[in-house]
Amino acid sequence: NSYSRRWDIENQYKSVKAFLPKTSSKDYRVRLFSFTFAALLYNLWRLTDYLVKLGTDREIRSPPVVTARTFVRAVSQSLRQGG
């Protein structure tokens, strides 16, 4: 069971990469901001998916209802409209 939970954590860490912006900067401040922003987006995605699952009576550990791609598109569209 402990190994299974560790594997979940490793997979979640890899999932954060989907939220990282592409950068070639070597400045640690830019890289730190990028990672922090990606981690924030990842956590917001997980929270959104969790709340959707609660609202639709789905099992919490089931595959995501809201995909990461869908979430990122919705956030980027919202940011573009907010200008």
PDB file of N, CA and C in Angstrom:
ATOM      1  N   ASN A   1       0.829  -1.191   0.000  1.00  0.00           N
ATOM      2  CA  ASN A   1       0.000   0.000   0.000  1.00  0.00           C
ATOM      3  C   ASN A   1       0.874   1.256   0.000  1.00  0.00           C
ATOM      4  N   SER A   2       1.947   1.250   0.796  1.00  0.00           N
ATOM      5  CA  SER A   2       2.838   2.410   0.845  1.00  0.00           C
ATOM      6  C   SER A   2       3.491   2.647  -0.513  1.00  0.00           C
ATOM      7  N   TYR A   3       3.890   1.561  -1.172  1.00  0.00           N
ATOM      8  CA  TYR A   3       4.509   1.704  -2.491  1.00  0.00           C
ATOM      9  C   TYR A   3       3.507   2.254  -3.500  1.00  0.00           C
ATOM     10  N   SER A   4       2.275   1.804  -3.415  1.00  0.00           N
ATOM     11  CA  SER A   4       1.230   2.286  -4.321  1.00  0.00           C
ATOM     12  C   SER A   4       1.013   3.789  -4.133  1.00  0.00           C
ATOM     13  N   ARG A   5       0.992   4.253  -2.907  1.00  0.00           N
ATOM     14  CA  ARG A   5       0.811   5.687  -2.640  1.00  0.00           C
ATOM     15  C   ARG A   5       2.010   6.477  -3.153  1.00  0.00           C
ATOM     16  N   ARG A   6       3.204   5.932  -2.991  1.00  0.00           N
ATOM     17  CA  ARG A   6       4.403   6.604  -3.493  1.00  0.00           C
ATOM     18  C   ARG A   6       4.344   6.713  -5.008  1.00  0.00           C
ATOM     19  N   TRP A   7       3.875   5.657  -5.661  1.00  0.00           N
ATOM     20  CA  TRP A   7       3.757   5.671  -7.117  1.00  0.00           C
ATOM     21  C   TRP A   7       2.776   6.758  -7.558  1.00  0.00           C
ATOM     22  N   ASP A   8       1.688   6.941  -6.830  1.00  0.00           N
ATOM     23  CA  ASP A   8       0.731   8.005  -7.125  1.00  0.00           C
ATOM     24  C   ASP A   8       1.400   9.374  -7.051  1.00  0.00           C
ATOM     25  N   ILE A   9       2.229   9.562  -6.034  1.00  0.00           N
ATOM     26  CA  ILE A   9       2.920  10.841  -5.871  1.00  0.00           C
ATOM     27  C   ILE A   9       3.882  11.077  -7.032  1.00  0.00           C
ATOM     28  N   GLU A  10       4.613  10.048  -7.431  1.00  0.00           N
ATOM     29  CA  GLU A  10       5.539  10.173  -8.565  1.00  0.00           C
ATOM     30  C   GLU A  10       4.785  10.533  -9.841  1.00  0.00           C
ATOM     31  N   ASN A  11       3.662   9.885 -10.073  1.00  0.00           N
ATOM     32  CA  ASN A  11       2.863  10.185 -11.264  1.00  0.00           C
ATOM     33  C   ASN A  11       2.303  11.600 -11.228  1.00  0.00           C
ATOM     34  N   GLN A  12       1.907  12.064 -10.060  1.00  0.00           N
ATOM     35  CA  GLN A  12       1.394  13.423  -9.937  1.00  0.00           C
ATOM     36  C   GLN A  12       2.492  14.445 -10.217  1.00  0.00           C
ATOM     37  N   TYR A  13       3.707  14.164  -9.742  1.00  0.00           N
ATOM     38  CA  TYR A  13       4.817  15.073 -10.005  1.00  0.00           C
ATOM     39  C   TYR A  13       5.083  15.168 -11.507  1.00  0.00           C
ATOM     40  N   LYS A  14       5.001  14.026 -12.201  1.00  0.00           N
ATOM     41  CA  LYS A  14       5.191  14.033 -13.645  1.00  0.00           C
ATOM     42  C   LYS A  14       4.073  14.799 -14.346  1.00  0.00           C
ATOM     43  N   SER A  15       2.876  14.763 -13.778  1.00  0.00           N
ATOM     44  CA  SER A  15       1.737  15.466 -14.374  1.00  0.00           C
ATOM     45  C   SER A  15       1.916  16.978 -14.337  1.00  0.00           C
ATOM     46  N   VAL A  16       2.668  17.483 -13.369  1.00  0.00           N
ATOM     47  CA  VAL A  16       2.902  18.929 -13.282  1.00  0.00           C
ATOM     48  C   VAL A  16       3.591  19.432 -14.550  1.00  0.00           C
ATOM     49  N   LYS A  17       4.385  18.570 -15.181  1.00  0.00           N
ATOM     50  CA  LYS A  17       5.103  18.965 -16.394  1.00  0.00           C
ATOM     51  C   LYS A  17       4.161  19.436 -17.494  1.00  0.00           C
ATOM     52  N   ALA A  18       2.931  18.909 -17.525  1.00  0.00           N
ATOM     53  CA  ALA A  18       1.958  19.325 -18.539  1.00  0.00           C
ATOM     54  C   ALA A  18       1.576  20.789 -18.375  1.00  0.00           C
ATOM     55  N   PHE A  19       1.780  21.344 -17.192  1.00  0.00           N
ATOM     56  CA  PHE A  19       1.409  22.721 -16.911  1.00  0.00           C
ATOM     57  C   PHE A  19       2.582  23.686 -17.015  1.00  0.00           C
ATOM     58  N   LEU A  20       3.781  23.160 -17.201  1.00  0.00           N
ATOM     59  CA  LEU A  20       4.964  24.022 -17.279  1.00  0.00           C
ATOM     60  C   LEU A  20       5.031  24.746 -18.617  1.00  0.00           C
ATOM     61  N   PRO A  21       5.243  26.062 -18.580  1.00  0.00           N
ATOM     62  CA  PRO A  21       5.434  26.770 -19.843  1.00  0.00           C
ATOM     63  C   PRO A  21       6.815  26.455 -20.410  1.00  0.00           C
ATOM     64  N   LYS A  22       6.938  26.545 -21.694  1.00  0.00           N
ATOM     65  CA  LYS A  22       8.239  26.308 -22.337  1.00  0.00           C
ATOM     66  C   LYS A  22       9.104  27.556 -22.163  1.00  0.00           C
ATOM     67  N   THR A  23      10.322  27.349 -21.692  1.00  0.00           N
ATOM     68  CA  THR A  23      11.250  28.463 -21.535  1.00  0.00           C
ATOM     69  C   THR A  23      12.678  27.963 -21.756  1.00  0.00           C
ATOM     70  N   SER A  24      13.488  28.845 -22.271  1.00  0.00           N
ATOM     71  CA  SER A  24      14.896  28.518 -22.437  1.00  0.00           C
ATOM     72  C   SER A  24      15.750  29.376 -21.503  1.00  0.00           C
ATOM     73  N   SER A  25      15.079  30.097 -20.626  1.00  0.00           N
ATOM     74  CA  SER A  25      15.780  30.976 -19.703  1.00  0.00           C
ATOM     75  C   SER A  25      16.614  30.171 -18.717  1.00  0.00           C
ATOM     76  N   LYS A  26      17.783  30.679 -18.415  1.00  0.00           N
ATOM     77  CA  LYS A  26      18.635  30.063 -17.399  1.00  0.00           C
ATOM     78  C   LYS A  26      18.543  30.815 -16.074  1.00  0.00           C
ATOM     79  N   ASP A  27      17.745  31.873 -16.065  1.00  0.00           N
ATOM     80  CA  ASP A  27      17.549  32.667 -14.852  1.00  0.00           C
ATOM     81  C   ASP A  27      16.709  31.860 -13.867  1.00  0.00           C
ATOM     82  N   TYR A  28      17.234  31.613 -12.684  1.00  0.00           N
ATOM     83  CA  TYR A  28      16.558  30.781 -11.706  1.00  0.00           C
ATOM     84  C   TYR A  28      15.219  31.388 -11.285  1.00  0.00           C
ATOM     85  N   ARG A  29      15.101  32.727 -11.325  1.00  0.00           N
ATOM     86  CA  ARG A  29      13.847  33.361 -10.924  1.00  0.00           C
ATOM     87  C   ARG A  29      12.725  33.049 -11.902  1.00  0.00           C
ATOM     88  N   VAL A  30      13.050  33.041 -13.186  1.00  0.00           N
ATOM     89  CA  VAL A  30      12.056  32.701 -14.202  1.00  0.00           C
ATOM     90  C   VAL A  30      11.657  31.242 -14.060  1.00  0.00           C
ATOM     91  N   ARG A  31      12.624  30.384 -13.846  1.00  0.00           N
ATOM     92  CA  ARG A  31      12.346  28.953 -13.705  1.00  0.00           C
ATOM     93  C   ARG A  31      11.545  28.672 -12.429  1.00  0.00           C
ATOM     94  N   LEU A  32      11.873  29.345 -11.336  1.00  0.00           N
ATOM     95  CA  LEU A  32      11.137  29.170 -10.089  1.00  0.00           C
ATOM     96  C   LEU A  32       9.698  29.642 -10.251  1.00  0.00           C
ATOM     97  N   PHE A  33       9.517  30.803 -10.878  1.00  0.00           N
ATOM     98  CA  PHE A  33       8.165  31.297 -11.116  1.00  0.00           C
ATOM     99  C   PHE A  33       7.387  30.314 -11.988  1.00  0.00           C
ATOM    100  N   SER A  34       8.009  29.824 -13.050  1.00  0.00           N
ATOM    101  CA  SER A  34       7.334  28.890 -13.950  1.00  0.00           C
ATOM    102  C   SER A  34       6.884  27.635 -13.215  1.00  0.00           C
ATOM    103  N   PHE A  35       7.775  27.078 -12.391  1.00  0.00           N
ATOM    104  CA  PHE A  35       7.419  25.872 -11.657  1.00  0.00           C
ATOM    105  C   PHE A  35       6.328  26.148 -10.634  1.00  0.00           C
ATOM    106  N   THR A  36       6.430  27.263  -9.926  1.00  0.00           N
ATOM    107  CA  THR A  36       5.431  27.611  -8.917  1.00  0.00           C
ATOM    108  C   THR A  36       4.063  27.826  -9.569  1.00  0.00           C
ATOM    109  N   PHE A  37       4.050  28.521 -10.700  1.00  0.00           N
ATOM    110  CA  PHE A  37       2.800  28.759 -11.419  1.00  0.00           C
ATOM    111  C   PHE A  37       2.214  27.438 -11.925  1.00  0.00           C
ATOM    112  N   ALA A  38       3.067  26.560 -12.437  1.00  0.00           N
ATOM    113  CA  ALA A  38       2.609  25.255 -12.914  1.00  0.00           C
ATOM    114  C   ALA A  38       2.036  24.426 -11.767  1.00  0.00           C
ATOM    115  N   ALA A  39       2.684  24.463 -10.609  1.00  0.00           N
ATOM    116  CA  ALA A  39       2.188  23.719  -9.450  1.00  0.00           C
ATOM    117  C   ALA A  39       0.833  24.285  -8.994  1.00  0.00           C
ATOM    118  N   LEU A  40       0.683  25.597  -9.043  1.00  0.00           N
ATOM    119  CA  LEU A  40      -0.594  26.216  -8.695  1.00  0.00           C
ATOM    120  C   LEU A  40      -1.692  25.782  -9.665  1.00  0.00           C
ATOM    121  N   LEU A  41      -1.417  25.826 -10.952  1.00  0.00           N
ATOM    122  CA  LEU A  41      -2.396  25.381 -11.946  1.00  0.00           C
ATOM    123  C   LEU A  41      -2.750  23.909 -11.753  1.00  0.00           C
ATOM    124  N   TYR A  42      -1.744  23.093 -11.487  1.00  0.00           N
ATOM    125  CA  TYR A  42      -1.976  21.669 -11.264  1.00  0.00           C
ATOM    126  C   TYR A  42      -2.919  21.460 -10.081  1.00  0.00           C
ATOM    127  N   ASN A  43      -2.653  22.159  -8.983  1.00  0.00           N
ATOM    128  CA  ASN A  43      -3.498  22.013  -7.796  1.00  0.00           C
ATOM    129  C   ASN A  43      -4.911  22.515  -8.049  1.00  0.00           C
ATOM    130  N   LEU A  44      -5.055  23.598  -8.809  1.00  0.00           N
ATOM    131  CA  LEU A  44      -6.390  24.088  -9.165  1.00  0.00           C
ATOM    132  C   LEU A  44      -7.126  23.077 -10.039  1.00  0.00           C
ATOM    133  N   TRP A  45      -6.400  22.431 -10.943  1.00  0.00           N
ATOM    134  CA  TRP A  45      -7.012  21.400 -11.779  1.00  0.00           C
ATOM    135  C   TRP A  45      -7.499  20.230 -10.929  1.00  0.00           C
ATOM    136  N   ARG A  46      -6.656  19.779 -10.008  1.00  0.00           N
ATOM    137  CA  ARG A  46      -7.043  18.656  -9.142  1.00  0.00           C
ATOM    138  C   ARG A  46      -8.254  19.024  -8.278  1.00  0.00           C
ATOM    139  N   LEU A  47      -8.276  20.249  -7.762  1.00  0.00           N
ATOM    140  CA  LEU A  47      -9.408  20.704  -6.960  1.00  0.00           C
ATOM    141  C   LEU A  47     -10.682  20.755  -7.807  1.00  0.00           C
ATOM    142  N   THR A  48     -10.575  21.286  -9.018  1.00  0.00           N
ATOM    143  CA  THR A  48     -11.728  21.358  -9.916  1.00  0.00           C
ATOM    144  C   THR A  48     -12.255  19.962 -10.217  1.00  0.00           C
ATOM    145  N   ASP A  49     -11.367  19.043 -10.539  1.00  0.00           N
ATOM    146  CA  ASP A  49     -11.779  17.677 -10.835  1.00  0.00           C
ATOM    147  C   ASP A  49     -12.433  17.030  -9.616  1.00  0.00           C
ATOM    148  N   TYR A  50     -11.867  17.266  -8.451  1.00  0.00           N
ATOM    149  CA  TYR A  50     -12.425  16.726  -7.206  1.00  0.00           C
ATOM    150  C   TYR A  50     -13.847  17.240  -6.985  1.00  0.00           C
ATOM    151  N   LEU A  51     -14.045  18.536  -7.164  1.00  0.00           N
ATOM    152  CA  LEU A  51     -15.365  19.117  -6.947  1.00  0.00           C
ATOM    153  C   LEU A  51     -16.382  18.623  -7.975  1.00  0.00           C
ATOM    154  N   VAL A  52     -15.945  18.438  -9.210  1.00  0.00           N
ATOM    155  CA  VAL A  52     -16.833  17.886 -10.234  1.00  0.00           C
ATOM    156  C   VAL A  52     -17.223  16.457  -9.862  1.00  0.00           C
ATOM    157  N   LYS A  53     -16.272  15.674  -9.396  1.00  0.00           N
ATOM    158  CA  LYS A  53     -16.567  14.294  -8.990  1.00  0.00           C
ATOM    159  C   LYS A  53     -17.549  14.258  -7.813  1.00  0.00           C
ATOM    160  N   LEU A  54     -17.371  15.161  -6.863  1.00  0.00           N
ATOM    161  CA  LEU A  54     -18.308  15.215  -5.741  1.00  0.00           C
ATOM    162  C   LEU A  54     -19.708  15.573  -6.220  1.00  0.00           C
ATOM    163  N   GLY A  55     -19.784  16.519  -7.131  1.00  0.00           N
ATOM    164  CA  GLY A  55     -21.076  16.958  -7.632  1.00  0.00           C
ATOM    165  C   GLY A  55     -21.784  15.933  -8.486  1.00  0.00           C
ATOM    166  N   THR A  56     -21.038  15.023  -9.087  1.00  0.00           N
ATOM    167  CA  THR A  56     -21.650  14.010  -9.954  1.00  0.00           C
ATOM    168  C   THR A  56     -21.624  12.616  -9.316  1.00  0.00           C
ATOM    169  N   ASP A  57     -21.308  12.548  -8.046  1.00  0.00           N
ATOM    170  CA  ASP A  57     -21.281  11.282  -7.292  1.00  0.00           C
ATOM    171  C   ASP A  57     -20.381  10.230  -7.922  1.00  0.00           C
ATOM    172  N   ARG A  58     -19.239  10.651  -8.414  1.00  0.00           N
ATOM    173  CA  ARG A  58     -18.256   9.698  -8.943  1.00  0.00           C
ATOM    174  C   ARG A  58     -17.234   9.368  -7.867  1.00  0.00           C
ATOM    175  N   GLU A  59     -16.572   8.235  -8.047  1.00  0.00           N
ATOM    176  CA  GLU A  59     -15.535   7.830  -7.107  1.00  0.00           C
ATOM    177  C   GLU A  59     -14.352   8.786  -7.227  1.00  0.00           C
ATOM    178  N   ILE A  60     -13.814   9.185  -6.103  1.00  0.00           N
ATOM    179  CA  ILE A  60     -12.735  10.179  -6.068  1.00  0.00           C
ATOM    180  C   ILE A  60     -11.481   9.676  -6.774  1.00  0.00           C
ATOM    181  N   ARG A  61     -11.165   8.401  -6.637  1.00  0.00           N
ATOM    182  CA  ARG A  61      -9.938   7.879  -7.244  1.00  0.00           C
ATOM    183  C   ARG A  61     -10.118   7.424  -8.689  1.00  0.00           C
ATOM    184  N   SER A  62     -11.254   7.722  -9.282  1.00  0.00           N
ATOM    185  CA  SER A  62     -11.482   7.375 -10.682  1.00  0.00           C
ATOM    186  C   SER A  62     -10.683   8.325 -11.581  1.00  0.00           C
ATOM    187  N   PRO A  63     -10.501   7.967 -12.837  1.00  0.00           N
ATOM    188  CA  PRO A  63      -9.773   8.861 -13.751  1.00  0.00           C
ATOM    189  C   PRO A  63     -10.417  10.250 -13.808  1.00  0.00           C
ATOM    190  N   PRO A  64      -9.628  11.262 -14.144  1.00  0.00           N
ATOM    191  CA  PRO A  64     -10.151  12.631 -14.147  1.00  0.00           C
ATOM    192  C   PRO A  64     -11.350  12.807 -15.080  1.00  0.00           C
ATOM    193  N   VAL A  65     -12.334  13.546 -14.598  1.00  0.00           N
ATOM    194  CA  VAL A  65     -13.482  13.917 -15.414  1.00  0.00           C
ATOM    195  C   VAL A  65     -13.092  15.115 -16.277  1.00  0.00           C
ATOM    196  N   VAL A  66     -12.427  16.062 -15.645  1.00  0.00           N
ATOM    197  CA  VAL A  66     -11.906  17.243 -16.336  1.00  0.00           C
ATOM    198  C   VAL A  66     -10.448  16.955 -16.659  1.00  0.00           C
ATOM    199  N   THR A  67     -10.119  16.864 -17.935  1.00  0.00           N
ATOM    200  CA  THR A  67      -8.733  16.563 -18.294  1.00  0.00           C
ATOM    201  C   THR A  67      -7.860  17.797 -18.097  1.00  0.00           C
ATOM    202  N   ALA A  68      -6.575  17.565 -17.968  1.00  0.00           N
ATOM    203  CA  ALA A  68      -5.630  18.676 -17.801  1.00  0.00           C
ATOM    204  C   ALA A  68      -5.681  19.599 -19.017  1.00  0.00           C
ATOM    205  N   ARG A  69      -5.769  19.027 -20.196  1.00  0.00           N
ATOM    206  CA  ARG A  69      -5.812  19.829 -21.425  1.00  0.00           C
ATOM    207  C   ARG A  69      -7.051  20.730 -21.442  1.00  0.00           C
ATOM    208  N   THR A  70      -8.190  20.162 -21.067  1.00  0.00           N
ATOM    209  CA  THR A  70      -9.429  20.945 -21.030  1.00  0.00           C
ATOM    210  C   THR A  70      -9.313  22.071 -20.016  1.00  0.00           C
ATOM    211  N   PHE A  71      -8.737  21.774 -18.859  1.00  0.00           N
ATOM    212  CA  PHE A  71      -8.586  22.780 -17.818  1.00  0.00           C
ATOM    213  C   PHE A  71      -7.669  23.912 -18.273  1.00  0.00           C
ATOM    214  N   VAL A  72      -6.535  23.573 -18.870  1.00  0.00           N
ATOM    215  CA  VAL A  72      -5.585  24.594 -19.326  1.00  0.00           C
ATOM    216  C   VAL A  72      -6.218  25.462 -20.407  1.00  0.00           C
ATOM    217  N   ARG A  73      -6.959  24.849 -21.312  1.00  0.00           N
ATOM    218  CA  ARG A  73      -7.639  25.623 -22.359  1.00  0.00           C
ATOM    219  C   ARG A  73      -8.654  26.584 -21.758  1.00  0.00           C
ATOM    220  N   ALA A  74      -9.413  26.121 -20.780  1.00  0.00           N
ATOM    221  CA  ALA A  74     -10.415  26.973 -20.141  1.00  0.00           C
ATOM    222  C   ALA A  74      -9.760  28.143 -19.409  1.00  0.00           C
ATOM    223  N   VAL A  75      -8.666  27.867 -18.712  1.00  0.00           N
ATOM    224  CA  VAL A  75      -7.957  28.934 -17.995  1.00  0.00           C
ATOM    225  C   VAL A  75      -7.371  29.940 -18.982  1.00  0.00           C
ATOM    226  N   SER A  76      -6.755  29.457 -20.047  1.00  0.00           N
ATOM    227  CA  SER A  76      -6.146  30.385 -21.011  1.00  0.00           C
ATOM    228  C   SER A  76      -7.221  31.220 -21.719  1.00  0.00           C
ATOM    229  N   GLN A  77      -8.360  30.617 -22.028  1.00  0.00           N
ATOM    230  CA  GLN A  77      -9.442  31.369 -22.653  1.00  0.00           C
ATOM    231  C   GLN A  77      -9.976  32.429 -21.694  1.00  0.00           C
ATOM    232  N   SER A  78     -10.099  32.068 -20.439  1.00  0.00           N
ATOM    233  CA  SER A  78     -10.570  33.010 -19.432  1.00  0.00           C
ATOM    234  C   SER A  78      -9.599  34.177 -19.264  1.00  0.00           C
ATOM    235  N   LEU A  79      -8.303  33.874 -19.276  1.00  0.00           N
ATOM    236  CA  LEU A  79      -7.304  34.941 -19.146  1.00  0.00           C
ATOM    237  C   LEU A  79      -7.302  35.860 -20.354  1.00  0.00           C
ATOM    238  N   ARG A  80      -7.501  35.294 -21.544  1.00  0.00           N
ATOM    239  CA  ARG A  80      -7.546  36.123 -22.751  1.00  0.00           C
ATOM    240  C   ARG A  80      -8.747  37.048 -22.742  1.00  0.00           C
ATOM    241  N   GLN A  81      -9.892  36.568 -22.274  1.00  0.00           N
ATOM    242  CA  GLN A  81     -11.097  37.381 -22.240  1.00  0.00           C
ATOM    243  C   GLN A  81     -10.989  38.473 -21.191  1.00  0.00           C
ATOM    244  N   GLY A  82     -10.316  38.177 -20.076  1.00  0.00           N
ATOM    245  CA  GLY A  82     -10.157  39.154 -19.005  1.00  0.00           C
ATOM    246  C   GLY A  82      -9.192  40.263 -19.369  1.00  0.00           C
ATOM    247  N   GLY A  83      -8.297  39.962 -20.326  1.00  0.00           N
ATOM    248  CA  GLY A  83      -7.368  40.919 -20.854  1.00  0.00           C
ATOM    249  C   GLY A  83      -6.488  41.506 -19.875  1.00  0.00           C
TER     250      GLY A  83
END
